Amino acid sequence: MYKIVLTEQAQTDYAYFVKSGQAHTVKKIAAILEDIAAHPYTGIGKPEALKYELSGMWSRRINAEHRIIYKVLGEVVEVQIMSMRYHYVKA
């Protein structure tokens, strides 16, 4: 099981969803984070390895507009969540 670490940006993004009352999105994020902790390269949200300036990072769909962007640090250590709002913003 991987340890999930939220960057400051990811914490801000998560707080946005909570404060805006998007309960369905918050539940979806929780399910995706749990899945990432279990197996970061496969599972729900259509995991996708990113390219170019975001090479080394992965993406999972929250919904049509938003993605969770993350990178895996070490083989069995931690997953750092970079952001949760919008698509692929350079981290």
N, C-alpha and C. Protein backbone atom coordinates (compact mmCIF):
# COMPACT_ATOMS: atom_id res chain seq x y z
N MET A 1 0.84 -1.18 0.00
CA MET A 1 0.00 0.00 0.00
C MET A 1 0.89 1.25 0.00
N TYR A 2 0.61 2.15 -0.90
CA TYR A 2 1.36 3.40 -1.00
C TYR A 2 0.78 4.44 -0.05
N LYS A 3 1.63 5.34 0.40
CA LYS A 3 1.21 6.47 1.23
C LYS A 3 0.83 7.61 0.28
N ILE A 4 -0.33 8.22 0.48
CA ILE A 4 -0.79 9.33 -0.34
C ILE A 4 -0.39 10.64 0.34
N VAL A 5 0.30 11.51 -0.39
CA VAL A 5 0.72 12.82 0.11
C VAL A 5 0.14 13.88 -0.83
N LEU A 6 -0.60 14.83 -0.28
CA LEU A 6 -1.18 15.90 -1.08
C LEU A 6 -0.27 17.13 -1.05
N THR A 7 0.06 17.65 -2.22
CA THR A 7 0.81 18.91 -2.26
C THR A 7 -0.13 20.03 -1.80
N GLU A 8 0.44 21.20 -1.59
CA GLU A 8 -0.37 22.35 -1.19
C GLU A 8 -1.45 22.64 -2.24
N GLN A 9 -1.09 22.53 -3.52
CA GLN A 9 -2.06 22.76 -4.59
C GLN A 9 -3.19 21.74 -4.54
N ALA A 10 -2.85 20.48 -4.32
CA ALA A 10 -3.87 19.44 -4.25
C ALA A 10 -4.80 19.66 -3.06
N GLN A 11 -4.25 20.11 -1.93
CA GLN A 11 -5.08 20.41 -0.76
C GLN A 11 -6.05 21.55 -1.07
N THR A 12 -5.56 22.57 -1.76
CA THR A 12 -6.41 23.70 -2.16
C THR A 12 -7.51 23.23 -3.11
N ASP A 13 -7.15 22.40 -4.07
CA ASP A 13 -8.13 21.87 -5.02
C ASP A 13 -9.21 21.06 -4.31
N TYR A 14 -8.79 20.20 -3.38
CA TYR A 14 -9.74 19.37 -2.64
C TYR A 14 -10.69 20.25 -1.81
N ALA A 15 -10.13 21.26 -1.15
CA ALA A 15 -10.94 22.18 -0.35
C ALA A 15 -11.99 22.87 -1.22
N TYR A 16 -11.62 23.21 -2.44
CA TYR A 16 -12.56 23.83 -3.38
C TYR A 16 -13.78 22.93 -3.60
N PHE A 17 -13.54 21.65 -3.85
CA PHE A 17 -14.64 20.72 -4.10
C PHE A 17 -15.52 20.56 -2.86
N VAL A 18 -14.90 20.49 -1.69
CA VAL A 18 -15.66 20.34 -0.45
C VAL A 18 -16.52 21.59 -0.21
N LYS A 19 -15.90 22.78 -0.31
CA LYS A 19 -16.62 24.03 -0.04
C LYS A 19 -17.72 24.31 -1.05
N SER A 20 -17.54 23.87 -2.27
CA SER A 20 -18.54 24.15 -3.31
C SER A 20 -19.72 23.17 -3.25
N GLY A 21 -19.67 22.24 -2.30
CA GLY A 21 -20.79 21.32 -2.10
C GLY A 21 -20.91 20.22 -3.14
N GLN A 22 -19.82 19.89 -3.80
CA GLN A 22 -19.84 18.85 -4.83
C GLN A 22 -19.60 17.48 -4.20
N ALA A 23 -20.59 17.00 -3.46
CA ALA A 23 -20.46 15.74 -2.71
C ALA A 23 -20.10 14.57 -3.61
N HIS A 24 -20.70 14.48 -4.78
CA HIS A 24 -20.42 13.37 -5.68
C HIS A 24 -18.95 13.40 -6.11
N THR A 25 -18.43 14.58 -6.41
CA THR A 25 -17.03 14.71 -6.83
C THR A 25 -16.09 14.36 -5.68
N VAL A 26 -16.42 14.79 -4.47
CA VAL A 26 -15.59 14.48 -3.29
C VAL A 26 -15.55 12.97 -3.07
N LYS A 27 -16.69 12.29 -3.22
CA LYS A 27 -16.72 10.83 -3.07
C LYS A 27 -15.89 10.15 -4.15
N LYS A 28 -15.97 10.67 -5.36
CA LYS A 28 -15.19 10.10 -6.48
C LYS A 28 -13.70 10.28 -6.23
N ILE A 29 -13.30 11.46 -5.75
CA ILE A 29 -11.89 11.71 -5.43
C ILE A 29 -11.41 10.73 -4.37
N ALA A 30 -12.20 10.54 -3.32
CA ALA A 30 -11.83 9.61 -2.25
C ALA A 30 -11.64 8.20 -2.79
N ALA A 31 -12.54 7.77 -3.67
CA ALA A 31 -12.43 6.42 -4.25
C ALA A 31 -11.18 6.30 -5.12
N ILE A 32 -10.89 7.34 -5.90
CA ILE A 32 -9.69 7.30 -6.76
C ILE A 32 -8.43 7.30 -5.91
N LEU A 33 -8.37 8.12 -4.87
CA LEU A 33 -7.17 8.16 -4.01
C LEU A 33 -6.95 6.81 -3.33
N GLU A 34 -8.03 6.18 -2.89
CA GLU A 34 -7.92 4.84 -2.28
C GLU A 34 -7.38 3.84 -3.30
N ASP A 35 -7.85 3.94 -4.52
CA ASP A 35 -7.40 3.04 -5.59
C ASP A 35 -5.94 3.30 -5.94
N ILE A 36 -5.53 4.57 -5.98
CA ILE A 36 -4.13 4.92 -6.26
C ILE A 36 -3.23 4.34 -5.18
N ALA A 37 -3.66 4.42 -3.92
CA ALA A 37 -2.86 3.89 -2.82
C ALA A 37 -2.65 2.38 -2.96
N ALA A 38 -3.64 1.69 -3.49
CA ALA A 38 -3.54 0.23 -3.65
C ALA A 38 -2.71 -0.15 -4.87
N HIS A 39 -2.94 0.52 -5.99
CA HIS A 39 -2.19 0.21 -7.22
C HIS A 39 -2.19 1.45 -8.12
N PRO A 40 -1.09 2.20 -8.10
CA PRO A 40 -1.04 3.50 -8.77
C PRO A 40 -1.05 3.48 -10.30
N TYR A 41 -0.80 2.36 -10.92
CA TYR A 41 -0.69 2.33 -12.38
C TYR A 41 -1.91 1.74 -13.09
N THR A 42 -2.85 1.17 -12.34
CA THR A 42 -4.05 0.56 -12.92
C THR A 42 -5.24 0.92 -12.05
N GLY A 43 -6.45 0.66 -12.55
CA GLY A 43 -7.64 0.86 -11.72
C GLY A 43 -8.62 1.86 -12.29
N ILE A 44 -9.40 2.48 -11.41
CA ILE A 44 -10.47 3.38 -11.83
C ILE A 44 -9.93 4.75 -12.26
N GLY A 45 -10.71 5.44 -13.04
CA GLY A 45 -10.33 6.78 -13.49
C GLY A 45 -9.45 6.80 -14.72
N LYS A 46 -9.32 5.68 -15.39
CA LYS A 46 -8.51 5.56 -16.60
C LYS A 46 -7.09 6.11 -16.42
N PRO A 47 -6.25 5.44 -15.63
CA PRO A 47 -4.88 5.91 -15.42
C PRO A 47 -4.14 6.08 -16.74
N GLU A 48 -3.42 7.18 -16.85
CA GLU A 48 -2.70 7.49 -18.08
C GLU A 48 -1.35 8.10 -17.74
N ALA A 49 -0.29 7.52 -18.28
CA ALA A 49 1.05 8.10 -18.12
C ALA A 49 1.11 9.37 -18.97
N LEU A 50 1.58 10.46 -18.38
CA LEU A 50 1.64 11.73 -19.10
C LEU A 50 2.95 11.86 -19.86
N LYS A 51 2.97 12.76 -20.82
CA LYS A 51 4.13 12.92 -21.71
C LYS A 51 4.70 14.33 -21.62
N TYR A 52 5.80 14.50 -22.33
CA TYR A 52 6.45 15.79 -22.52
C TYR A 52 6.84 16.42 -21.19
N GLU A 53 6.44 17.68 -20.92
CA GLU A 53 6.90 18.34 -19.70
C GLU A 53 6.31 17.71 -18.43
N LEU A 54 5.29 16.88 -18.57
CA LEU A 54 4.71 16.19 -17.42
C LEU A 54 5.12 14.71 -17.38
N SER A 55 6.15 14.37 -18.12
CA SER A 55 6.65 13.01 -18.15
C SER A 55 7.02 12.56 -16.73
N GLY A 56 6.67 11.34 -16.39
CA GLY A 56 6.92 10.82 -15.05
C GLY A 56 5.71 10.95 -14.14
N MET A 57 4.71 11.68 -14.60
CA MET A 57 3.48 11.85 -13.82
C MET A 57 2.35 11.05 -14.47
N TRP A 58 1.32 10.82 -13.69
CA TRP A 58 0.15 10.07 -14.13
C TRP A 58 -1.10 10.90 -13.93
N SER A 59 -2.16 10.54 -14.66
CA SER A 59 -3.43 11.24 -14.58
C SER A 59 -4.56 10.24 -14.41
N ARG A 60 -5.57 10.64 -13.64
CA ARG A 60 -6.82 9.86 -13.55
C ARG A 60 -7.99 10.82 -13.66
N ARG A 61 -9.02 10.39 -14.36
CA ARG A 61 -10.20 11.23 -14.56
C ARG A 61 -11.08 11.27 -13.31
N ILE A 62 -11.39 12.48 -12.88
CA ILE A 62 -12.42 12.66 -11.85
C ILE A 62 -13.76 12.77 -12.58
N ASN A 63 -13.79 13.63 -13.59
CA ASN A 63 -14.96 13.80 -14.45
C ASN A 63 -14.46 14.38 -15.78
N ALA A 64 -15.37 14.85 -16.61
CA ALA A 64 -14.97 15.35 -17.93
C ALA A 64 -14.04 16.56 -17.84
N GLU A 65 -14.18 17.35 -16.78
CA GLU A 65 -13.39 18.58 -16.65
C GLU A 65 -12.13 18.43 -15.82
N HIS A 66 -12.14 17.60 -14.79
CA HIS A 66 -11.06 17.57 -13.81
C HIS A 66 -10.30 16.24 -13.81
N ARG A 67 -9.00 16.33 -13.50
CA ARG A 67 -8.12 15.17 -13.41
C ARG A 67 -7.31 15.23 -12.12
N ILE A 68 -6.98 14.08 -11.59
CA ILE A 68 -5.99 14.00 -10.51
C ILE A 68 -4.65 13.75 -11.19
N ILE A 69 -3.68 14.60 -10.93
CA ILE A 69 -2.33 14.46 -11.48
C ILE A 69 -1.44 14.04 -10.32
N TYR A 70 -0.66 12.97 -10.53
CA TYR A 70 0.17 12.46 -9.44
C TYR A 70 1.44 11.83 -9.97
N LYS A 71 2.40 11.65 -9.06
CA LYS A 71 3.61 10.91 -9.41
C LYS A 71 3.92 9.94 -8.28
N VAL A 72 4.50 8.82 -8.66
CA VAL A 72 4.86 7.77 -7.71
C VAL A 72 6.32 7.95 -7.36
N LEU A 73 6.60 8.06 -6.07
CA LEU A 73 7.96 8.25 -5.59
C LEU A 73 8.43 6.96 -4.94
N GLY A 74 9.33 6.24 -5.59
CA GLY A 74 9.81 4.98 -5.05
C GLY A 74 8.88 3.83 -5.40
N GLU A 75 9.33 2.62 -5.16
CA GLU A 75 8.56 1.44 -5.53
C GLU A 75 7.40 1.16 -4.58
N VAL A 76 7.58 1.33 -3.29
CA VAL A 76 6.51 1.06 -2.34
C VAL A 76 6.49 2.13 -1.26
N VAL A 77 6.67 3.37 -1.66
CA VAL A 77 6.82 4.42 -0.67
C VAL A 77 5.64 5.39 -0.66
N GLU A 78 5.59 6.32 -1.62
CA GLU A 78 4.54 7.32 -1.56
C GLU A 78 4.10 7.79 -2.93
N VAL A 79 2.88 8.24 -2.98
CA VAL A 79 2.31 8.83 -4.19
C VAL A 79 2.02 10.28 -3.86
N GLN A 80 2.58 11.19 -4.64
CA GLN A 80 2.39 12.62 -4.40
C GLN A 80 1.32 13.14 -5.36
N ILE A 81 0.22 13.64 -4.81
CA ILE A 81 -0.88 14.18 -5.61
C ILE A 81 -0.56 15.64 -5.90
N MET A 82 -0.43 15.98 -7.18
CA MET A 82 -0.01 17.31 -7.59
C MET A 82 -1.20 18.28 -7.68
N SER A 83 -2.29 17.84 -8.27
CA SER A 83 -3.47 18.71 -8.42
C SER A 83 -4.71 17.86 -8.65
N MET A 84 -5.88 18.52 -8.52
CA MET A 84 -7.15 17.82 -8.71
C MET A 84 -8.12 18.60 -9.59
N ARG A 85 -7.80 19.83 -9.92
CA ARG A 85 -8.73 20.63 -10.72
C ARG A 85 -8.19 20.80 -12.13
N TYR A 86 -9.10 20.81 -13.05
CA TYR A 86 -8.83 21.01 -14.47
C TYR A 86 -8.02 19.85 -15.04
N HIS A 87 -7.42 20.07 -16.20
CA HIS A 87 -6.69 19.01 -16.85
C HIS A 87 -5.22 19.10 -16.47
N TYR A 88 -4.34 19.22 -17.44
CA TYR A 88 -2.92 19.07 -17.20
C TYR A 88 -2.22 20.40 -17.06
N VAL A 89 -2.23 20.96 -15.87
CA VAL A 89 -1.52 22.20 -15.59
C VAL A 89 -0.12 21.82 -15.15
N LYS A 90 0.89 22.49 -15.68
CA LYS A 90 2.27 22.18 -15.30
C LYS A 90 2.43 22.30 -13.80
N ALA A 91 2.99 21.26 -13.18
CA ALA A 91 3.16 21.26 -11.73
C ALA A 91 4.57 21.64 -11.36
